[in-house]
Amino acid sequence: MAEINFRIVLKIIGALLWIEAVSMLIPMGIALGYGEHDALAFLLSAGITAVVGAIFFFQYTNPERKPLEKRDGLLVVTFCWFFFAVLSTLPYLLSGAVDNVTDALFESMSGITGTGASVIKDIEQLPHGVLFWRSFTQWLGGLGIILFTLAILPLINSGGSMVLFNAETSGISHDKLKPRIGQTAKRLWITYLCITTVLTLLLCLGPMNGFDAVCHALTTASTGGFSTKNAGLVYWDSAYTQYIVIVFMLISGINYALVYRGLRGEIKRIFRNEELKWYLIIAIVFTLLMAIGLFLSGKYETMGIEGTIRTSLFQASSILTSTGFLTADFTQWGPFFCILLCLLMFCGGCAASTSGGAKVIRIVILLKNSLNEFYRQIHPNAVVPVRMNQQAVSHEVVSKILAFLFIYALVAIVSTLALSAMGLTLGEAFGCSISCIGNAGPGLGRAVYSFALIPTAGKWILTFTMLAGRLEIFTVLILFTSYFWKK
């Protein structure tokens, strides 16, 4: 058995669960304010979660002071997210919002991973406390649970913090805003909170009431996509609201270190970032392709020119950033549009953002490396490095990207095969799989709005797929290898 530091692993998980327990008191207060029955469910959930956290935290009263190794970090991150999701099911089950463990865990995992896929058929019948909890779990998981823990609880030394930071956050490299990783985490979360606050105020200026504005601000900033209405944003039929959400979805799909620097006035540094340029190019190109497709198919006649452009921009932004809000049933537009949006689900937003997907930086590096291969066919001895932001990308990083994208696609294919064997059509199986691994939200066919039709076994598969996708595949799958547990 490997020499894993179980003492500090359990201690960190216990601290995280205490944070979750405190978080449950917020929707309890909302339930009390509305005089609804789910207040007791949140109180009981908070108590159970706090007790479980205490058991983990005090399992070993004197944790060893040896440094946190990479193996420990991977274990902490995976099990922190797992236990957070499991205990997040308690409000759903105890309030009666969901009547079985499978659906409750699916809804919970979809929330914290920012996927936005739901198995609840009638969202509007849920009490306000549960509605807020759905949105709040997405916001907590948006930048990362571990990152939030590092921001407020200095549990371990800076070396160990960096291990956890690298294990949870996505990207090829990480931009440390301050020397200590705890300071970086605080600045990222302050930026996140400021964006959410500004968005809430702007949404309140439209047709939304305060409660709906807060919930949608939480799920937009986290690119999660849960709504308080069955029809989503279509319920308000407001161009103003849609444009505001478009802007903030696109902002949330940017590397949050860049967003922080932008708020500090470092504009030149932002626009020199190559990943950001490609991200905006992808959003514009796919918007134009969808708009042109709608014009050529004649569907623009019911929407008007402005409505067609706005709908195209909204859907491209929503799916690219893996938010998952819908203002139209794109599956009714035809297969061309479904293919475009599946490509966006695969691509995702920028690294170190709240978006899911494979990330733009990986796609760009893979594209550049592939183009270099054409040159090497003529000049086999030439050394042509891949460059990002005017810096050479090492062969090791390119190799990791290729491995990541291969396993990412493999997991999606295996999930698709399993779902198709359960009676889903090929389109539905593929759409659900690529959506869950990319934490995008909507599926295809009958699953475009709800995943309730998925069989029980399929929901368990997609629950695991959501977690694997959110933690960048390797963090989760490596736990199933024998050499992870060996010395």
Protein backbone atom coordinates (compact mmCIF):
# COMPACT_ATOMS: atom_id res chain seq x y z
CA MET A 1 0.00 0.00 0.00
CA ALA A 2 1.27 3.43 -0.83
CA GLU A 3 2.33 5.75 1.95
CA ILE A 4 -0.60 8.10 1.57
CA ASN A 5 -0.95 10.76 4.24
CA PHE A 6 -4.50 9.81 5.25
CA ARG A 7 -4.37 12.10 8.27
CA ILE A 8 -4.15 15.32 6.29
CA VAL A 9 -6.43 13.93 3.56
CA LEU A 10 -9.24 13.32 6.07
CA LYS A 11 -8.59 16.62 7.80
CA ILE A 12 -8.98 18.62 4.60
CA ILE A 13 -12.13 16.71 3.61
CA GLY A 14 -13.56 17.34 7.08
CA ALA A 15 -12.89 21.08 6.80
CA LEU A 16 -14.56 21.14 3.40
CA LEU A 17 -17.67 19.44 4.78
CA TRP A 18 -17.90 22.05 7.53
CA ILE A 19 -17.92 24.71 4.81
CA GLU A 20 -20.70 22.81 3.08
CA ALA A 21 -22.66 22.56 6.34
CA VAL A 22 -22.46 26.33 6.84
CA SER A 23 -23.51 26.84 3.21
CA MET A 24 -26.70 24.88 3.86
CA LEU A 25 -27.78 27.45 6.45
CA ILE A 26 -28.18 30.10 3.72
CA PRO A 27 -31.01 28.30 1.84
CA MET A 28 -32.46 27.41 5.26
CA GLY A 29 -32.76 31.14 5.95
CA ILE A 30 -34.40 31.66 2.56
CA ALA A 31 -36.88 28.86 3.29
CA LEU A 32 -37.74 30.45 6.62
CA GLY A 33 -38.21 33.82 4.93
CA TYR A 34 -40.71 32.31 2.50
CA GLY A 35 -42.33 30.25 5.27
CA GLU A 36 -41.77 26.97 3.43
CA HIS A 37 -41.41 23.47 4.79
CA ASP A 38 -37.88 22.75 3.53
CA ALA A 39 -36.20 24.83 6.26
CA LEU A 40 -36.07 21.80 8.57
CA ALA A 41 -34.59 19.68 5.77
CA PHE A 42 -31.68 22.11 5.43
CA LEU A 43 -31.15 22.25 9.18
CA LEU A 44 -30.98 18.46 9.40
CA SER A 45 -28.73 18.33 6.33
CA ALA A 46 -26.36 20.89 7.84
CA GLY A 47 -26.23 18.95 11.11
CA ILE A 48 -25.51 15.61 9.42
CA THR A 49 -22.85 17.17 7.19
CA ALA A 50 -21.18 18.89 10.15
CA VAL A 51 -21.07 15.63 12.11
CA VAL A 52 -19.54 13.74 9.17
CA GLY A 53 -17.02 16.57 8.75
CA ALA A 54 -16.12 16.38 12.46
CA ILE A 55 -15.57 12.61 12.21
CA PHE A 56 -13.15 13.13 9.33
CA PHE A 57 -11.44 16.17 10.85
CA PHE A 58 -10.83 14.63 14.28
CA GLN A 59 -10.14 11.09 13.06
CA TYR A 60 -6.50 11.81 13.76
CA THR A 61 -5.98 14.48 16.40
CA ASN A 62 -2.31 15.03 15.55
CA PRO A 63 -1.86 14.96 11.78
CA GLU A 64 1.64 14.26 10.56
CA ARG A 65 3.62 17.29 9.46
CA LYS A 66 5.16 15.63 6.43
CA PRO A 67 4.57 17.50 3.16
CA LEU A 68 1.54 16.79 1.03
CA GLU A 69 2.60 14.74 -1.99
CA LYS A 70 1.04 14.76 -5.45
CA ARG A 71 -0.60 11.40 -4.78
CA ASP A 72 -2.23 12.83 -1.63
CA GLY A 73 -3.43 15.87 -3.59
CA LEU A 74 -5.16 13.76 -6.24
CA LEU A 75 -6.88 11.71 -3.54
CA VAL A 76 -7.99 14.81 -1.62
CA VAL A 77 -9.43 16.51 -4.68
CA THR A 78 -11.38 13.51 -5.95
CA PHE A 79 -12.84 12.55 -2.58
CA CYS A 80 -13.60 16.15 -1.61
CA TRP A 81 -15.76 16.52 -4.71
CA PHE A 82 -17.29 13.09 -4.19
CA PHE A 83 -18.30 13.66 -0.55
CA PHE A 84 -19.50 17.18 -1.32
CA ALA A 85 -21.80 15.76 -3.99
CA VAL A 86 -23.03 12.91 -1.79
CA LEU A 87 -23.93 15.16 1.14
CA SER A 88 -25.44 17.75 -1.19
CA THR A 89 -28.15 15.19 -1.91
CA LEU A 90 -29.52 15.48 1.63
CA PRO A 91 -31.61 18.66 1.05
CA TYR A 92 -33.17 17.10 -2.06
CA LEU A 93 -34.07 13.86 -0.26
CA LEU A 94 -35.13 15.28 3.11
CA SER A 95 -37.30 18.01 1.55
CA GLY A 96 -38.99 15.53 -0.78
CA ALA A 97 -37.88 17.45 -3.89
CA VAL A 98 -36.37 14.21 -5.23
CA ASP A 99 -37.68 10.81 -4.19
CA ASN A 100 -34.70 8.53 -4.85
CA VAL A 101 -30.94 8.47 -4.28
CA THR A 102 -30.01 8.08 -7.96
CA ASP A 103 -31.82 11.22 -9.09
CA ALA A 104 -30.66 13.17 -6.04
CA LEU A 105 -27.00 12.31 -6.66
CA PHE A 106 -27.33 13.09 -10.38
CA GLU A 107 -28.86 16.50 -9.60
CA SER A 108 -26.25 17.17 -6.92
CA MET A 109 -23.29 16.18 -9.12
CA SER A 110 -24.73 18.18 -12.00
CA GLY A 111 -24.88 21.15 -9.64
CA ILE A 112 -21.38 21.16 -8.17
CA THR A 113 -19.69 20.30 -11.48
CA GLY A 114 -21.58 23.11 -13.22
CA THR A 115 -23.10 20.75 -15.76
CA GLY A 116 -26.69 21.94 -15.49
CA ALA A 117 -28.33 18.70 -16.63
CA SER A 118 -31.45 18.04 -14.57
CA VAL A 119 -33.75 15.09 -13.86
CA ILE A 120 -36.40 17.20 -12.13
CA LYS A 121 -39.36 17.49 -14.50
CA ASP A 122 -41.17 20.41 -12.87
CA ILE A 123 -38.64 22.87 -11.45
CA GLU A 124 -41.21 25.52 -10.60
CA GLN A 125 -42.90 23.31 -8.02
CA LEU A 126 -39.71 23.25 -5.91
CA PRO A 127 -39.62 25.42 -2.77
CA HIS A 128 -37.39 28.50 -2.81
CA GLY A 129 -34.78 26.99 -0.50
CA VAL A 130 -34.17 24.04 -2.84
CA LEU A 131 -34.14 26.31 -5.90
CA PHE A 132 -31.48 28.46 -4.28
CA TRP A 133 -29.49 25.39 -3.20
CA ARG A 134 -29.37 24.14 -6.80
CA SER A 135 -27.94 27.48 -7.93
CA PHE A 136 -25.63 27.90 -4.94
CA THR A 137 -23.98 24.50 -5.39
CA GLN A 138 -23.13 25.49 -8.95
CA TRP A 139 -21.58 28.72 -7.73
CA LEU A 140 -19.53 26.95 -5.05
CA GLY A 141 -18.21 24.45 -7.57
CA GLY A 142 -17.66 27.06 -10.27
CA LEU A 143 -14.06 28.05 -9.52
CA GLY A 144 -13.43 24.88 -7.56
CA ILE A 145 -14.19 23.61 -4.08
CA ILE A 146 -10.53 23.13 -3.21
CA LEU A 147 -9.69 26.63 -4.43
CA PHE A 148 -12.41 28.01 -2.16
CA THR A 149 -11.01 26.02 0.76
CA LEU A 150 -7.49 27.31 0.10
CA ALA A 151 -8.84 30.86 -0.01
CA ILE A 152 -10.39 30.80 3.47
CA LEU A 153 -8.65 27.98 5.38
CA PRO A 154 -4.83 27.89 5.51
CA LEU A 155 -4.81 24.20 6.46
CA ILE A 156 -1.48 23.27 4.96
CA ASN A 157 1.80 24.78 3.86
CA SER A 158 2.19 26.59 0.54
CA GLY A 159 3.81 23.57 -1.07
CA GLY A 160 0.84 21.40 -0.22
CA SER A 161 -1.54 24.14 -1.36
CA MET A 162 0.14 24.20 -4.75
CA VAL A 163 -0.26 20.42 -5.03
CA LEU A 164 -4.03 20.74 -4.44
CA PHE A 165 -4.31 23.77 -6.72
CA ASN A 166 -2.67 21.92 -9.62
CA ALA A 167 -4.73 18.78 -8.97
CA GLU A 168 -8.05 20.64 -9.22
CA THR A 169 -7.66 23.56 -11.62
CA SER A 170 -7.46 23.02 -15.35
CA GLY A 171 -4.95 24.29 -17.83
CA ILE A 172 -1.49 23.81 -19.24
CA SER A 173 0.12 26.28 -16.86
CA HIS A 174 -1.14 28.32 -13.94
CA ASP A 175 -0.80 32.08 -13.54
CA LYS A 176 -0.02 32.81 -9.90
CA LEU A 177 -1.23 36.29 -9.07
CA LYS A 178 0.67 36.35 -5.77
CA PRO A 179 3.64 34.38 -4.37
CA ARG A 180 1.45 32.37 -1.99
CA ILE A 181 -1.23 30.19 -3.55
CA GLY A 182 -3.69 31.12 -0.76
CA GLN A 183 -3.40 34.77 -1.79
CA THR A 184 -3.99 33.84 -5.43
CA ALA A 185 -7.08 31.84 -4.43
CA LYS A 186 -8.46 34.81 -2.47
CA ARG A 187 -8.04 37.18 -5.40
CA LEU A 188 -9.68 34.79 -7.82
CA TRP A 189 -12.65 34.31 -5.50
CA ILE A 190 -12.99 38.05 -4.84
CA THR A 191 -13.08 38.57 -8.61
CA TYR A 192 -15.69 35.82 -8.90
CA LEU A 193 -17.81 37.40 -6.15
CA CYS A 194 -17.59 40.86 -7.73
CA ILE A 195 -18.72 39.55 -11.13
CA THR A 196 -21.64 37.71 -9.51
CA THR A 197 -22.69 40.83 -7.57
CA VAL A 198 -22.59 43.13 -10.60
CA LEU A 199 -24.53 40.59 -12.66
CA THR A 200 -27.20 40.31 -9.96
CA LEU A 201 -27.72 44.08 -9.95
CA LEU A 202 -27.95 44.22 -13.75
CA LEU A 203 -30.46 41.36 -13.88
CA CYS A 204 -32.61 43.13 -11.28
CA LEU A 205 -32.96 46.03 -13.74
CA GLY A 206 -34.79 43.69 -16.12
CA PRO A 207 -38.01 41.74 -15.60
CA MET A 208 -36.56 39.33 -13.00
CA ASN A 209 -37.38 39.68 -9.33
CA GLY A 210 -34.58 39.70 -6.75
CA PHE A 211 -34.67 35.97 -6.01
CA ASP A 212 -34.56 34.92 -9.67
CA ALA A 213 -31.82 37.47 -10.38
CA VAL A 214 -29.61 36.09 -7.60
CA CYS A 215 -30.13 32.48 -8.68
CA HIS A 216 -29.39 33.21 -12.33
CA ALA A 217 -26.36 35.33 -11.44
CA LEU A 218 -24.98 32.40 -9.46
CA THR A 219 -25.50 29.96 -12.32
CA THR A 220 -24.28 32.35 -15.03
CA ALA A 221 -21.04 33.33 -13.28
CA SER A 222 -20.37 29.64 -12.61
CA THR A 223 -21.39 28.73 -16.20
CA GLY A 224 -23.70 26.16 -14.63
CA GLY A 225 -27.04 26.80 -16.29
CA PHE A 226 -29.62 25.83 -13.67
CA SER A 227 -32.73 28.01 -13.82
CA THR A 228 -35.65 28.65 -11.51
CA LYS A 229 -38.16 28.23 -14.37
CA ASN A 230 -39.04 25.25 -16.55
CA ALA A 231 -38.66 27.38 -19.68
CA GLY A 232 -35.37 28.90 -18.50
CA LEU A 233 -34.64 32.44 -19.69
CA VAL A 234 -37.41 32.13 -22.31
CA TYR A 235 -39.86 32.61 -19.42
CA TRP A 236 -39.01 36.35 -19.27
CA ASP A 237 -38.77 36.86 -23.07
CA SER A 238 -36.39 39.77 -22.53
CA ALA A 239 -33.73 40.81 -25.05
CA TYR A 240 -32.08 42.93 -22.33
CA THR A 241 -31.72 39.93 -20.01
CA GLN A 242 -30.35 37.75 -22.77
CA TYR A 243 -27.71 40.29 -23.81
CA ILE A 244 -26.59 40.75 -20.20
CA VAL A 245 -26.32 36.98 -19.74
CA ILE A 246 -24.37 36.66 -23.02
CA VAL A 247 -21.77 39.17 -21.87
CA PHE A 248 -21.28 37.54 -18.48
CA MET A 249 -21.22 34.00 -19.88
CA LEU A 250 -18.39 35.05 -22.18
CA ILE A 251 -16.55 36.79 -19.32
CA SER A 252 -16.89 33.68 -17.14
CA GLY A 253 -15.44 31.55 -19.93
CA ILE A 254 -12.17 33.51 -19.78
CA ASN A 255 -9.21 32.53 -17.58
CA TYR A 256 -10.05 34.17 -14.24
CA ALA A 257 -6.47 35.30 -13.76
CA LEU A 258 -6.91 37.36 -16.94
CA VAL A 259 -10.27 38.68 -15.71
CA TYR A 260 -8.56 39.76 -12.47
CA ARG A 261 -5.81 41.52 -14.40
CA GLY A 262 -8.43 43.18 -16.60
CA LEU A 263 -10.19 44.60 -13.55
CA ARG A 264 -6.82 45.99 -12.47
CA GLY A 265 -6.47 47.78 -15.80
CA GLU A 266 -3.86 45.51 -17.41
CA ILE A 267 -5.70 45.62 -20.75
CA LYS A 268 -2.66 45.13 -23.00
CA ARG A 269 -1.75 41.91 -21.22
CA ILE A 270 -5.24 40.57 -21.79
CA PHE A 271 -5.34 41.14 -25.52
CA ARG A 272 -1.87 39.66 -25.97
CA ASN A 273 -3.20 36.35 -24.66
CA GLU A 274 -3.47 33.95 -27.59
CA GLU A 275 -5.99 31.61 -25.97
CA LEU A 276 -8.38 34.52 -25.41
CA LYS A 277 -8.07 35.58 -29.07
CA TRP A 278 -8.93 32.07 -30.27
CA TYR A 279 -11.79 31.85 -27.75
CA LEU A 280 -13.39 35.01 -29.13
CA ILE A 281 -12.78 33.92 -32.72
CA ILE A 282 -14.52 30.59 -32.07
CA ALA A 283 -17.51 32.38 -30.50
CA ILE A 284 -17.82 34.77 -33.46
CA VAL A 285 -17.35 32.14 -36.18
CA PHE A 286 -19.91 29.73 -34.71
CA THR A 287 -22.37 32.59 -34.17
CA LEU A 288 -22.06 33.54 -37.83
CA LEU A 289 -22.43 29.93 -38.99
CA MET A 290 -25.62 29.50 -36.95
CA ALA A 291 -27.04 32.84 -38.06
CA ILE A 292 -26.32 32.07 -41.72
CA GLY A 293 -27.84 28.62 -41.31
CA LEU A 294 -31.01 30.09 -39.80
CA PHE A 295 -31.28 32.66 -42.58
CA LEU A 296 -30.79 30.06 -45.32
CA SER A 297 -33.32 27.69 -43.74
CA GLY A 298 -35.92 30.44 -43.44
CA LYS A 299 -36.26 30.05 -39.68
CA TYR A 300 -35.24 33.69 -39.18
CA GLU A 301 -38.69 34.77 -40.40
CA THR A 302 -40.26 33.95 -37.03
CA MET A 303 -37.43 35.62 -35.07
CA GLY A 304 -36.57 38.65 -37.14
CA ILE A 305 -33.04 39.71 -38.07
CA GLU A 306 -32.07 40.97 -34.61
CA GLY A 307 -33.69 38.00 -32.91
CA THR A 308 -31.87 35.55 -35.18
CA ILE A 309 -28.47 37.12 -34.50
CA ARG A 310 -29.19 37.33 -30.77
CA THR A 311 -30.37 33.72 -30.62
CA SER A 312 -27.30 32.52 -32.53
CA LEU A 313 -24.94 34.52 -30.30
CA PHE A 314 -26.71 33.34 -27.16
CA GLN A 315 -26.59 29.64 -28.09
CA ALA A 316 -22.97 29.81 -29.25
CA SER A 317 -21.90 31.61 -26.05
CA SER A 318 -23.96 29.34 -23.79
CA ILE A 319 -22.64 26.07 -25.24
CA LEU A 320 -19.04 27.24 -25.75
CA THR A 321 -18.81 28.32 -22.11
CA SER A 322 -20.70 25.14 -21.05
CA THR A 323 -23.36 27.23 -19.30
CA GLY A 324 -26.20 25.39 -21.00
CA PHE A 325 -28.94 28.03 -20.97
CA LEU A 326 -31.29 27.66 -23.93
CA THR A 327 -33.48 30.24 -25.64
CA ALA A 328 -34.60 27.80 -28.35
CA ASP A 329 -34.76 24.06 -28.98
CA PHE A 330 -31.81 23.81 -31.36
CA THR A 331 -32.57 20.14 -32.08
CA GLN A 332 -35.60 21.36 -34.07
CA TRP A 333 -33.34 23.43 -36.33
CA GLY A 334 -31.77 20.38 -37.96
CA PRO A 335 -28.62 18.22 -37.75
CA PHE A 336 -26.30 21.00 -38.99
CA PHE A 337 -26.93 23.03 -35.84
CA CYS A 338 -26.68 19.99 -33.56
CA ILE A 339 -23.23 19.21 -34.99
CA LEU A 340 -22.09 22.81 -34.48
CA LEU A 341 -23.21 22.84 -30.86
CA CYS A 342 -21.66 19.41 -30.16
CA LEU A 343 -18.34 20.79 -31.46
CA LEU A 344 -18.71 23.72 -29.06
CA MET A 345 -19.47 21.33 -26.18
CA PHE A 346 -16.25 19.49 -26.93
CA CYS A 347 -14.19 22.67 -27.23
CA GLY A 348 -15.29 24.47 -24.06
CA GLY A 349 -13.95 27.77 -22.73
CA CYS A 350 -10.52 28.93 -21.60
CA ALA A 351 -8.36 27.10 -19.09
CA ALA A 352 -8.71 28.22 -15.45
CA SER A 353 -12.22 29.54 -16.12
CA THR A 354 -15.49 28.16 -14.79
CA SER A 355 -16.19 26.51 -18.18
CA GLY A 356 -16.02 22.82 -18.98
CA GLY A 357 -14.99 21.06 -22.17
CA ALA A 358 -11.54 20.15 -23.43
CA LYS A 359 -10.49 23.84 -23.26
CA VAL A 360 -9.50 26.16 -26.09
CA ILE A 361 -5.78 26.11 -25.31
CA ARG A 362 -5.60 22.35 -25.83
CA ILE A 363 -7.47 22.55 -29.12
CA VAL A 364 -5.18 25.34 -30.39
CA ILE A 365 -1.98 23.53 -29.40
CA LEU A 366 -3.24 20.34 -31.03
CA LEU A 367 -4.10 22.28 -34.22
CA LYS A 368 -0.68 23.95 -34.32
CA ASN A 369 1.12 20.66 -33.72
CA SER A 370 -0.90 19.03 -36.52
CA LEU A 371 0.00 21.85 -38.94
CA ASN A 372 3.67 21.44 -38.00
CA GLU A 373 3.43 17.79 -39.02
CA PHE A 374 2.67 18.86 -42.59
CA TYR A 375 5.90 20.89 -42.62
CA ARG A 376 7.85 17.96 -41.19
CA GLN A 377 6.67 15.79 -44.06
CA ILE A 378 8.85 17.92 -46.35
CA HIS A 379 11.55 18.78 -43.79
CA PRO A 380 11.78 15.71 -41.51
CA ASN A 381 14.86 16.97 -39.66
CA ALA A 382 13.44 20.39 -38.92
CA VAL A 383 12.76 21.35 -35.31
CA VAL A 384 9.54 23.34 -35.34
CA PRO A 385 8.22 23.99 -31.84
CA VAL A 386 4.60 24.77 -31.08
CA ARG A 387 4.30 28.30 -29.71
CA MET A 388 1.66 29.85 -27.48
CA ASN A 389 1.93 33.48 -26.39
CA GLN A 390 5.32 33.62 -28.15
CA GLN A 391 6.71 30.85 -25.94
CA ALA A 392 7.64 27.35 -27.07
CA VAL A 393 5.43 24.58 -25.74
CA SER A 394 7.49 21.59 -24.62
CA HIS A 395 7.11 18.21 -26.27
CA GLU A 396 6.06 16.83 -22.89
CA VAL A 397 3.09 19.22 -22.71
CA VAL A 398 2.04 18.41 -26.29
CA SER A 399 2.22 14.69 -25.43
CA LYS A 400 0.02 15.22 -22.36
CA ILE A 401 -2.53 17.10 -24.43
CA LEU A 402 -2.70 14.33 -27.00
CA ALA A 403 -3.16 11.75 -24.22
CA PHE A 404 -5.81 13.88 -22.53
CA LEU A 405 -7.85 14.39 -25.69
CA PHE A 406 -7.63 10.70 -26.57
CA ILE A 407 -8.87 9.57 -23.14
CA TYR A 408 -11.48 12.36 -23.11
CA ALA A 409 -12.86 11.04 -26.41
CA LEU A 410 -12.58 7.44 -25.23
CA VAL A 411 -14.65 8.11 -22.08
CA ALA A 412 -17.29 9.85 -24.22
CA ILE A 413 -17.39 6.90 -26.65
CA VAL A 414 -17.69 4.30 -23.87
CA SER A 415 -20.47 6.33 -22.24
CA THR A 416 -22.24 6.62 -25.61
CA LEU A 417 -22.06 2.86 -26.19
CA ALA A 418 -23.41 2.14 -22.71
CA LEU A 419 -26.34 4.56 -23.09
CA SER A 420 -27.20 3.31 -26.57
CA ALA A 421 -27.30 -0.24 -25.17
CA MET A 422 -29.96 0.98 -22.71
CA GLY A 423 -32.39 2.02 -25.44
CA LEU A 424 -31.39 5.61 -26.23
CA THR A 425 -30.94 6.59 -29.86
CA LEU A 426 -27.37 7.14 -31.03
CA GLY A 427 -27.91 10.90 -31.16
CA GLU A 428 -29.35 11.00 -27.64
CA ALA A 429 -26.61 8.77 -26.23
CA PHE A 430 -23.83 10.81 -27.85
CA GLY A 431 -25.42 14.13 -26.94
CA CYS A 432 -25.83 13.19 -23.26
CA SER A 433 -22.29 11.82 -23.07
CA ILE A 434 -20.52 14.76 -24.69
CA SER A 435 -22.66 17.16 -22.66
CA CYS A 436 -21.88 15.52 -19.31
CA ILE A 437 -18.15 15.05 -19.87
CA GLY A 438 -17.97 18.67 -21.05
CA ASN A 439 -20.25 19.86 -18.20
CA ALA A 440 -22.39 21.60 -20.81
CA GLY A 441 -25.95 20.72 -19.75
CA PRO A 442 -28.38 20.14 -22.63
CA GLY A 443 -28.47 16.82 -24.44
CA LEU A 444 -29.90 15.92 -27.82
CA GLY A 445 -33.29 14.57 -28.87
CA ARG A 446 -35.62 13.90 -25.94
CA ALA A 447 -32.86 14.87 -23.47
CA VAL A 448 -32.41 18.43 -24.66
CA TYR A 449 -34.27 19.83 -21.62
CA SER A 450 -34.41 16.92 -19.15
CA PHE A 451 -32.38 13.79 -18.44
CA ALA A 452 -35.30 12.15 -16.60
CA LEU A 453 -35.74 9.61 -19.40
CA ILE A 454 -32.25 8.15 -18.84
CA PRO A 455 -32.39 4.68 -17.18
CA THR A 456 -31.05 4.36 -13.63
CA ALA A 457 -27.80 2.70 -14.71
CA GLY A 458 -27.30 5.42 -17.31
CA LYS A 459 -27.68 8.15 -14.69
CA TRP A 460 -24.92 6.55 -12.59
CA ILE A 461 -22.65 6.41 -15.64
CA LEU A 462 -23.32 10.07 -16.46
CA THR A 463 -22.82 11.07 -12.81
CA PHE A 464 -19.34 9.58 -12.94
CA THR A 465 -18.75 11.17 -16.36
CA MET A 466 -19.62 14.62 -14.99
CA LEU A 467 -17.12 14.26 -12.14
CA ALA A 468 -14.38 12.94 -14.44
CA GLY A 469 -14.96 15.79 -16.89
CA ARG A 470 -14.90 18.47 -14.19
CA LEU A 471 -11.65 17.17 -12.70
CA GLU A 472 -9.91 16.85 -16.06
CA ILE A 473 -10.18 13.07 -16.48
CA PHE A 474 -6.74 12.03 -15.16
CA THR A 475 -7.40 13.18 -11.58
CA VAL A 476 -10.28 10.70 -11.27
CA LEU A 477 -9.23 7.83 -13.52
CA ILE A 478 -5.75 7.52 -12.02
CA LEU A 479 -7.35 6.27 -8.80
CA PHE A 480 -8.42 3.15 -10.69
CA THR A 481 -4.85 2.24 -11.63
CA SER A 482 -2.79 -0.22 -9.61
CA TYR A 483 0.37 1.89 -9.62
CA PHE A 484 -1.41 4.77 -7.88
CA TRP A 485 -1.71 2.61 -4.76
CA LYS A 486 1.75 1.06 -4.97
CA LYS A 487 4.94 2.51 -3.53
